[in-house]
């Protein structure tokens, strides 16, 4: 039986008693059938990961006492995803997989062809937390409130941003990413792709580079994951030994 990993944003230290969330209490007691005395692991990016045990568990409340630290905090890649708001199931999947791939920030955007009129940020943040707990990373990506595409580009800090630009004759993503170093970002459009004017506006910004993902047209969620994998392999922490 594997030990559940739980993200806690409170300060963590050996010997401390830390309250859990109602969602964690439900998951531990109802889904996993755990109880007081059972082992868990508690973590965050600031303090690292600690062995712990459950000291209280009720329907909507729980608490843990922390033992020794098993992993110290460590730097994680500053790889960012800017993704057009997709339909619920597709966007949920993208957030989960982007978390597994190590992104630091997920910025949903609205575009001219976006068909979704609302993004549930709390739901996406919960999915990101759950994925971080499962994939053994210490941090949870920041899921930012949705913005119009132009506003997200206006607020960008100047780090390199590659944009998936199908049918534009752009350079292959592997060629463009080969010389990059983090921080950098990956921008993916909606199901119908960006409109030409949106790509033109993005391309006028000095930090934006249009790239191609091969000869096939990919679904938006596939493009999001494929591009992140390339960036991790060529510029991110997949290069670490």
C-alpha atoms as a PDB file:
ATOM      1  CA  UNK A   1       0.000   0.000   0.000  1.00  0.00           C
ATOM      2  CA  UNK A   2       1.598   3.261  -1.140  1.00  0.00           C
ATOM      3  CA  UNK A   3       1.928   6.226   1.174  1.00  0.00           C
ATOM      4  CA  UNK A   4      -0.351   9.139   0.219  1.00  0.00           C
ATOM      5  CA  UNK A   5       1.434  12.422  -0.562  1.00  0.00           C
ATOM      6  CA  UNK A   6      -0.354  15.579   0.567  1.00  0.00           C
ATOM      7  CA  UNK A   7       0.396  19.182  -0.362  1.00  0.00           C
ATOM      8  CA  UNK A   8       0.214  21.599   2.571  1.00  0.00           C
ATOM      9  CA  UNK A   9       1.011  25.271   2.057  1.00  0.00           C
ATOM     10  CA  UNK A  10       1.611  25.901   5.788  1.00  0.00           C
ATOM     11  CA  UNK A  11       5.136  26.060   7.177  1.00  0.00           C
ATOM     12  CA  UNK A  12       6.457  22.519   7.725  1.00  0.00           C
ATOM     13  CA  UNK A  13       8.979  21.429  10.347  1.00  0.00           C
ATOM     14  CA  UNK A  14       9.848  18.233  12.185  1.00  0.00           C
ATOM     15  CA  UNK A  15       7.547  17.551  15.144  1.00  0.00           C
ATOM     16  CA  UNK A  16       4.887  20.060  14.083  1.00  0.00           C
ATOM     17  CA  UNK A  17       1.185  19.187  14.063  1.00  0.00           C
ATOM     18  CA  UNK A  18      -0.412  20.470  10.861  1.00  0.00           C
ATOM     19  CA  UNK A  19      -4.120  20.618   9.995  1.00  0.00           C
ATOM     20  CA  UNK A  20      -5.206  19.152   6.677  1.00  0.00           C
ATOM     21  CA  UNK A  21      -7.987  20.326   4.401  1.00  0.00           C
ATOM     22  CA  UNK A  22     -11.572  19.039   4.294  1.00  0.00           C
ATOM     23  CA  UNK A  23     -10.842  17.588   0.844  1.00  0.00           C
ATOM     24  CA  UNK A  24      -7.868  15.682   2.233  1.00  0.00           C
ATOM     25  CA  UNK A  25      -9.950  14.381   5.129  1.00  0.00           C
ATOM     26  CA  UNK A  26     -12.576  13.083   2.702  1.00  0.00           C
ATOM     27  CA  UNK A  27      -9.991  11.518   0.408  1.00  0.00           C
ATOM     28  CA  UNK A  28      -8.060   9.833   3.210  1.00  0.00           C
ATOM     29  CA  UNK A  29     -11.062   8.552   5.132  1.00  0.00           C
ATOM     30  CA  UNK A  30     -13.630   7.792   2.432  1.00  0.00           C
ATOM     31  CA  UNK A  31     -11.567   6.996  -0.662  1.00  0.00           C
ATOM     32  CA  UNK A  32      -8.351   5.542   0.770  1.00  0.00           C
ATOM     33  CA  UNK A  33      -9.851   4.120   3.987  1.00  0.00           C
ATOM     34  CA  UNK A  34      -7.015   5.416   6.131  1.00  0.00           C
ATOM     35  CA  UNK A  35      -7.232   6.275   9.811  1.00  0.00           C
ATOM     36  CA  UNK A  36      -5.384   7.754  12.758  1.00  0.00           C
ATOM     37  CA  UNK A  37      -1.861   6.405  12.994  1.00  0.00           C
ATOM     38  CA  UNK A  38      -1.465   5.702   9.281  1.00  0.00           C
ATOM     39  CA  UNK A  39       1.527   7.052   7.402  1.00  0.00           C
ATOM     40  CA  UNK A  40       1.380   9.931   4.944  1.00  0.00           C
ATOM     41  CA  UNK A  41       3.921  12.265   3.355  1.00  0.00           C
ATOM     42  CA  UNK A  42       3.465  16.030   3.536  1.00  0.00           C
ATOM     43  CA  UNK A  43       5.232  18.469   1.229  1.00  0.00           C
ATOM     44  CA  UNK A  44       5.577  21.900  -0.299  1.00  0.00           C
ATOM     45  CA  UNK A  45       8.224  23.618  -2.415  1.00  0.00           C
ATOM     46  CA  UNK A  46       9.350  25.946   0.371  1.00  0.00           C
ATOM     47  CA  UNK A  47      10.094  23.345   3.076  1.00  0.00           C
ATOM     48  CA  UNK A  48      10.478  20.042   1.217  1.00  0.00           C
ATOM     49  CA  UNK A  49       8.821  16.724   2.043  1.00  0.00           C
ATOM     50  CA  UNK A  50       8.303  15.115   5.464  1.00  0.00           C
ATOM     51  CA  UNK A  51       7.286  11.696   6.666  1.00  0.00           C
ATOM     52  CA  UNK A  52       4.144  12.116   8.758  1.00  0.00           C
ATOM     53  CA  UNK A  53       1.268  10.242  10.309  1.00  0.00           C
ATOM     54  CA  UNK A  54      -2.401  10.994  10.724  1.00  0.00           C
ATOM     55  CA  UNK A  55      -3.250  12.029  14.292  1.00  0.00           C
ATOM     56  CA  UNK A  56      -6.895  13.013  13.735  1.00  0.00           C
ATOM     57  CA  UNK A  57      -9.370  12.145  10.994  1.00  0.00           C
ATOM     58  CA  UNK A  58     -13.050  12.935  10.787  1.00  0.00           C
ATOM     59  CA  UNK A  59     -15.423  13.483   7.906  1.00  0.00           C
ATOM     60  CA  UNK A  60     -14.215  17.005   7.098  1.00  0.00           C
ATOM     61  CA  UNK A  61     -11.215  17.493   9.398  1.00  0.00           C
ATOM     62  CA  UNK A  62      -7.802  15.933   9.736  1.00  0.00           C
ATOM     63  CA  UNK A  63      -4.364  16.643  11.177  1.00  0.00           C
ATOM     64  CA  UNK A  64      -0.872  15.250  10.767  1.00  0.00           C
ATOM     65  CA  UNK A  65       2.209  15.186  12.956  1.00  0.00           C
ATOM     66  CA  UNK A  66       5.431  15.574  11.013  1.00  0.00           C
ATOM     67  CA  UNK A  67       8.438  13.305  11.385  1.00  0.00           C
ATOM     68  CA  UNK A  68      11.796  13.641   9.671  1.00  0.00           C
ATOM     69  CA  UNK A  69      12.298  15.525   6.442  1.00  0.00           C
ATOM     70  CA  UNK A  70      12.809  13.056   3.601  1.00  0.00           C
ATOM     71  CA  UNK A  71      13.454  15.546   0.768  1.00  0.00           C
ATOM     72  CA  UNK A  72      14.877  19.057   1.041  1.00  0.00           C
ATOM     73  CA  UNK A  73      13.461  21.892  -1.048  1.00  0.00           C
ATOM     74  CA  UNK A  74      15.022  22.130  -4.487  1.00  0.00           C
ATOM     75  CA  UNK A  75      14.814  24.448  -7.475  1.00  0.00           C
ATOM     76  CA  UNK A  76      12.250  23.411 -10.073  1.00  0.00           C
ATOM     77  CA  UNK A  77      11.998  24.488 -13.725  1.00  0.00           C
ATOM     78  CA  UNK A  78      10.351  27.792 -14.653  1.00  0.00           C
ATOM     79  CA  UNK A  79       8.452  26.405 -17.622  1.00  0.00           C
ATOM     80  CA  UNK A  80       5.140  28.112 -18.310  1.00  0.00           C
ATOM     81  CA  UNK A  81       2.059  27.120 -20.267  1.00  0.00           C
ATOM     82  CA  UNK A  82      -0.266  29.664 -21.841  1.00  0.00           C
ATOM     83  CA  UNK A  83      -3.243  27.767 -23.196  1.00  0.00           C
ATOM     84  CA  UNK A  84      -6.522  28.825 -24.737  1.00  0.00           C
ATOM     85  CA  UNK A  85      -9.536  27.918 -22.643  1.00  0.00           C
ATOM     86  CA  UNK A  86     -10.652  24.497 -23.883  1.00  0.00           C
ATOM     87  CA  UNK A  87     -13.735  22.467 -23.128  1.00  0.00           C
ATOM     88  CA  UNK A  88     -13.811  21.194 -19.570  1.00  0.00           C
ATOM     89  CA  UNK A  89     -12.523  17.633 -20.008  1.00  0.00           C
ATOM     90  CA  UNK A  90      -9.748  18.693 -22.374  1.00  0.00           C
ATOM     91  CA  UNK A  91      -8.579  21.549 -20.140  1.00  0.00           C
ATOM     92  CA  UNK A  92      -8.693  19.340 -17.046  1.00  0.00           C
ATOM     93  CA  UNK A  93      -6.466  16.835 -18.854  1.00  0.00           C
ATOM     94  CA  UNK A  94      -4.035  19.534 -19.997  1.00  0.00           C
ATOM     95  CA  UNK A  95      -3.664  20.873 -16.448  1.00  0.00           C
ATOM     96  CA  UNK A  96      -3.030  17.400 -15.073  1.00  0.00           C
ATOM     97  CA  UNK A  97      -0.433  16.529 -17.713  1.00  0.00           C
ATOM     98  CA  UNK A  98       1.237  19.943 -17.593  1.00  0.00           C
ATOM     99  CA  UNK A  99       1.666  19.485 -13.853  1.00  0.00           C
ATOM    100  CA  UNK A 100       3.249  16.077 -14.418  1.00  0.00           C
ATOM    101  CA  UNK A 101       5.571  17.680 -16.973  1.00  0.00           C
ATOM    102  CA  UNK A 102       6.802  20.195 -14.410  1.00  0.00           C
ATOM    103  CA  UNK A 103       5.269  23.519 -15.442  1.00  0.00           C
ATOM    104  CA  UNK A 104       5.450  26.362 -12.957  1.00  0.00           C
ATOM    105  CA  UNK A 105       2.554  28.484 -14.259  1.00  0.00           C
ATOM    106  CA  UNK A 106      -0.617  27.694 -16.192  1.00  0.00           C
ATOM    107  CA  UNK A 107      -2.221  30.762 -17.750  1.00  0.00           C
ATOM    108  CA  UNK A 108      -5.574  30.147 -19.466  1.00  0.00           C
ATOM    109  CA  UNK A 109      -6.441  32.691 -22.155  1.00  0.00           C
ATOM    110  CA  UNK A 110      -9.472  33.539 -24.242  1.00  0.00           C
ATOM    111  CA  UNK A 111      -9.129  33.968 -27.997  1.00  0.00           C
ATOM    112  CA  UNK A 112     -11.429  34.814 -30.885  1.00  0.00           C
ATOM    113  CA  UNK A 113     -12.203  31.149 -31.476  1.00  0.00           C
ATOM    114  CA  UNK A 114     -12.540  30.158 -27.822  1.00  0.00           C
ATOM    115  CA  UNK A 115     -15.872  28.416 -27.284  1.00  0.00           C
ATOM    116  CA  UNK A 116     -15.713  28.351 -23.466  1.00  0.00           C
ATOM    117  CA  UNK A 117     -17.085  31.390 -21.664  1.00  0.00           C
ATOM    118  CA  UNK A 118     -15.852  30.552 -18.143  1.00  0.00           C
ATOM    119  CA  UNK A 119     -12.788  28.877 -16.634  1.00  0.00           C
ATOM    120  CA  UNK A 120     -13.175  27.345 -13.172  1.00  0.00           C
ATOM    121  CA  UNK A 121      -9.830  28.288 -11.644  1.00  0.00           C
ATOM    122  CA  UNK A 122     -10.521  26.591  -8.322  1.00  0.00           C
ATOM    123  CA  UNK A 123     -11.273  23.309 -10.061  1.00  0.00           C
ATOM    124  CA  UNK A 124      -8.113  23.542 -12.151  1.00  0.00           C
ATOM    125  CA  UNK A 125      -6.007  24.394  -9.090  1.00  0.00           C
ATOM    126  CA  UNK A 126      -7.384  21.310  -7.315  1.00  0.00           C
ATOM    127  CA  UNK A 127      -6.505  19.155 -10.325  1.00  0.00           C
ATOM    128  CA  UNK A 128      -2.978  20.601 -10.310  1.00  0.00           C
ATOM    129  CA  UNK A 129      -2.597  19.823  -6.583  1.00  0.00           C
ATOM    130  CA  UNK A 130      -3.761  16.259  -7.073  1.00  0.00           C
ATOM    131  CA  UNK A 131      -1.408  15.732  -9.997  1.00  0.00           C
ATOM    132  CA  UNK A 132       1.531  17.149  -8.020  1.00  0.00           C
ATOM    133  CA  UNK A 133       0.779  14.756  -5.172  1.00  0.00           C
ATOM    134  CA  UNK A 134       0.768  11.816  -7.580  1.00  0.00           C
ATOM    135  CA  UNK A 135       3.874  12.662  -9.626  1.00  0.00           C
ATOM    136  CA  UNK A 136       6.220  13.308  -6.663  1.00  0.00           C
ATOM    137  CA  UNK A 137       7.068  16.915  -7.442  1.00  0.00           C
ATOM    138  CA  UNK A 138       7.421  19.315  -4.527  1.00  0.00           C
ATOM    139  CA  UNK A 139       5.688  22.324  -6.050  1.00  0.00           C
ATOM    140  CA  UNK A 140       2.195  22.873  -7.398  1.00  0.00           C
ATOM    141  CA  UNK A 141       1.895  25.039 -10.504  1.00  0.00           C
ATOM    142  CA  UNK A 142       0.181  28.386 -10.165  1.00  0.00           C
ATOM    143  CA  UNK A 143      -3.096  28.376 -12.087  1.00  0.00           C
ATOM    144  CA  UNK A 144      -3.796  31.997 -12.950  1.00  0.00           C
ATOM    145  CA  UNK A 145      -7.181  33.577 -13.707  1.00  0.00           C
ATOM    146  CA  UNK A 146      -8.094  33.516 -17.372  1.00  0.00           C
ATOM    147  CA  UNK A 147      -7.152  36.583 -19.427  1.00  0.00           C
ATOM    148  CA  UNK A 148      -7.752  37.696 -22.995  1.00  0.00           C
ATOM    149  CA  UNK A 149      -4.786  36.643 -25.115  1.00  0.00           C
ATOM    150  CA  UNK A 150      -3.617  40.207 -25.740  1.00  0.00           C
ATOM    151  CA  UNK A 151      -3.708  40.966 -22.010  1.00  0.00           C
ATOM    152  CA  UNK A 152      -1.629  37.894 -21.183  1.00  0.00           C
ATOM    153  CA  UNK A 153       0.927  38.915 -23.816  1.00  0.00           C
ATOM    154  CA  UNK A 154       0.957  42.508 -22.542  1.00  0.00           C
ATOM    155  CA  UNK A 155       1.692  41.230 -19.012  1.00  0.00           C
ATOM    156  CA  UNK A 156       4.418  38.774 -20.110  1.00  0.00           C
ATOM    157  CA  UNK A 157       7.811  39.446 -18.535  1.00  0.00           C
ATOM    158  CA  UNK A 158       9.881  39.025 -21.692  1.00  0.00           C
ATOM    159  CA  UNK A 159      10.959  35.393 -21.259  1.00  0.00           C
ATOM    160  CA  UNK A 160      11.040  33.473 -24.570  1.00  0.00           C
ATOM    161  CA  UNK A 161       7.558  32.333 -25.569  1.00  0.00           C
ATOM    162  CA  UNK A 162       7.090  29.785 -28.342  1.00  0.00           C
ATOM    163  CA  UNK A 163       3.694  29.689 -30.034  1.00  0.00           C
ATOM    164  CA  UNK A 164       2.196  26.780 -31.949  1.00  0.00           C
ATOM    165  CA  UNK A 165       1.512  28.234 -35.404  1.00  0.00           C
ATOM    166  CA  UNK A 166       0.183  25.598 -37.767  1.00  0.00           C
ATOM    167  CA  UNK A 167       0.148  26.401 -41.505  1.00  0.00           C
ATOM    168  CA  UNK A 168       2.547  29.314 -41.053  1.00  0.00           C
ATOM    169  CA  UNK A 169       5.712  27.749 -42.433  1.00  0.00           C
ATOM    170  CA  UNK A 170       7.370  28.240 -39.034  1.00  0.00           C
ATOM    171  CA  UNK A 171      10.610  26.581 -37.967  1.00  0.00           C
ATOM    172  CA  UNK A 172      10.308  23.177 -36.252  1.00  0.00           C
ATOM    173  CA  UNK A 173       9.949  23.432 -32.491  1.00  0.00           C
ATOM    174  CA  UNK A 174      13.061  21.327 -31.913  1.00  0.00           C
ATOM    175  CA  UNK A 175      15.164  23.783 -33.923  1.00  0.00           C
ATOM    176  CA  UNK A 176      13.764  26.822 -32.116  1.00  0.00           C
ATOM    177  CA  UNK A 177      14.053  25.255 -28.663  1.00  0.00           C
ATOM    178  CA  UNK A 178      17.571  23.870 -29.049  1.00  0.00           C
ATOM    179  CA  UNK A 179      19.260  27.044 -27.831  1.00  0.00           C
ATOM    180  CA  UNK A 180      16.734  28.025 -25.182  1.00  0.00           C
ATOM    181  CA  UNK A 181      17.216  28.087 -21.445  1.00  0.00           C
ATOM    182  CA  UNK A 182      14.552  28.473 -18.806  1.00  0.00           C
ATOM    183  CA  UNK A 183      12.510  30.473 -18.057  1.00  0.00           C
ATOM    184  CA  UNK A 184      10.459  30.066 -21.194  1.00  0.00           C
ATOM    185  CA  UNK A 185       6.852  29.469 -22.151  1.00  0.00           C
ATOM    186  CA  UNK A 186       4.629  27.569 -24.566  1.00  0.00           C
ATOM    187  CA  UNK A 187       1.490  29.116 -26.089  1.00  0.00           C
ATOM    188  CA  UNK A 188      -1.255  26.937 -27.583  1.00  0.00           C
ATOM    189  CA  UNK A 189      -4.482  28.078 -29.197  1.00  0.00           C
ATOM    190  CA  UNK A 190      -8.061  26.795 -29.060  1.00  0.00           C
ATOM    191  CA  UNK A 191      -9.668  23.875 -30.880  1.00  0.00           C
ATOM    192  CA  UNK A 192     -10.002  25.881 -34.093  1.00  0.00           C
ATOM    193  CA  UNK A 193      -6.552  27.414 -33.859  1.00  0.00           C
ATOM    194  CA  UNK A 194      -5.563  31.052 -33.615  1.00  0.00           C
ATOM    195  CA  UNK A 195      -6.925  33.563 -36.114  1.00  0.00           C
ATOM    196  CA  UNK A 196      -4.315  35.053 -38.393  1.00  0.00           C
ATOM    197  CA  UNK A 197      -4.537  38.447 -36.729  1.00  0.00           C
ATOM    198  CA  UNK A 198      -3.829  36.935 -33.334  1.00  0.00           C
ATOM    199  CA  UNK A 199      -0.675  35.273 -34.611  1.00  0.00           C
ATOM    200  CA  UNK A 200       0.365  38.497 -36.310  1.00  0.00           C
ATOM    201  CA  UNK A 201      -0.099  40.428 -33.056  1.00  0.00           C
ATOM    202  CA  UNK A 202       1.828  37.823 -31.062  1.00  0.00           C
ATOM    203  CA  UNK A 203       4.608  37.707 -33.640  1.00  0.00           C
ATOM    204  CA  UNK A 204       5.230  41.449 -33.381  1.00  0.00           C
ATOM    205  CA  UNK A 205       6.386  40.977 -29.803  1.00  0.00           C
ATOM    206  CA  UNK A 206      10.140  40.450 -29.546  1.00  0.00           C
ATOM    207  CA  UNK A 207       9.894  37.551 -27.091  1.00  0.00           C
ATOM    208  CA  UNK A 208       7.533  35.457 -29.275  1.00  0.00           C
ATOM    209  CA  UNK A 209       8.718  32.820 -31.764  1.00  0.00           C
ATOM    210  CA  UNK A 210       6.273  30.916 -33.986  1.00  0.00           C
ATOM    211  CA  UNK A 211       7.068  27.207 -34.291  1.00  0.00           C
ATOM    212  CA  UNK A 212       5.659  24.131 -36.003  1.00  0.00           C
ATOM    213  CA  UNK A 213       4.835  20.763 -34.478  1.00  0.00           C
ATOM    214  CA  UNK A 214       5.372  18.635 -37.544  1.00  0.00           C
ATOM    215  CA  UNK A 215       3.299  17.805 -40.626  1.00  0.00           C
ATOM    216  CA  UNK A 216       0.099  16.791 -38.817  1.00  0.00           C
ATOM    217  CA  UNK A 217      -2.569  19.030 -37.311  1.00  0.00           C
ATOM    218  CA  UNK A 218      -2.816  18.221 -33.620  1.00  0.00           C
ATOM    219  CA  UNK A 219      -5.688  18.657 -31.228  1.00  0.00           C
ATOM    220  CA  UNK A 220      -5.109  21.576 -28.867  1.00  0.00           C
ATOM    221  CA  UNK A 221      -4.568  19.349 -25.843  1.00  0.00           C
ATOM    222  CA  UNK A 222      -2.116  17.163 -27.778  1.00  0.00           C
ATOM    223  CA  UNK A 223      -0.182  20.222 -28.922  1.00  0.00           C
ATOM    224  CA  UNK A 224       0.027  21.516 -25.354  1.00  0.00           C
ATOM    225  CA  UNK A 225       1.583  18.323 -24.025  1.00  0.00           C
ATOM    226  CA  UNK A 226       3.805  17.687 -27.050  1.00  0.00           C
ATOM    227  CA  UNK A 227       5.327  21.157 -26.902  1.00  0.00           C
ATOM    228  CA  UNK A 228       5.966  21.000 -23.176  1.00  0.00           C
ATOM    229  CA  UNK A 229       7.709  17.657 -23.593  1.00  0.00           C
ATOM    230  CA  UNK A 230      10.013  19.109 -26.261  1.00  0.00           C
ATOM    231  CA  UNK A 231      10.859  22.124 -24.095  1.00  0.00           C
ATOM    232  CA  UNK A 232      11.571  19.959 -21.066  1.00  0.00           C
ATOM    233  CA  UNK A 233      13.796  17.687 -23.142  1.00  0.00           C
ATOM    234  CA  UNK A 234      15.815  20.481 -24.754  1.00  0.00           C
ATOM    235  CA  UNK A 235      15.741  23.329 -22.234  1.00  0.00           C
ATOM    236  CA  UNK A 236      14.278  22.024 -18.985  1.00  0.00           C
ATOM    237  CA  UNK A 237      15.137  19.610 -16.232  1.00  0.00           C
ATOM    238  CA  UNK A 238      14.983  16.513 -18.433  1.00  0.00           C
ATOM    239  CA  UNK A 239      18.557  17.430 -19.312  1.00  0.00           C
ATOM    240  CA  UNK A 240      19.704  16.957 -15.698  1.00  0.00           C
ATOM    241  CA  UNK A 241      21.793  13.888 -14.909  1.00  0.00           C
END
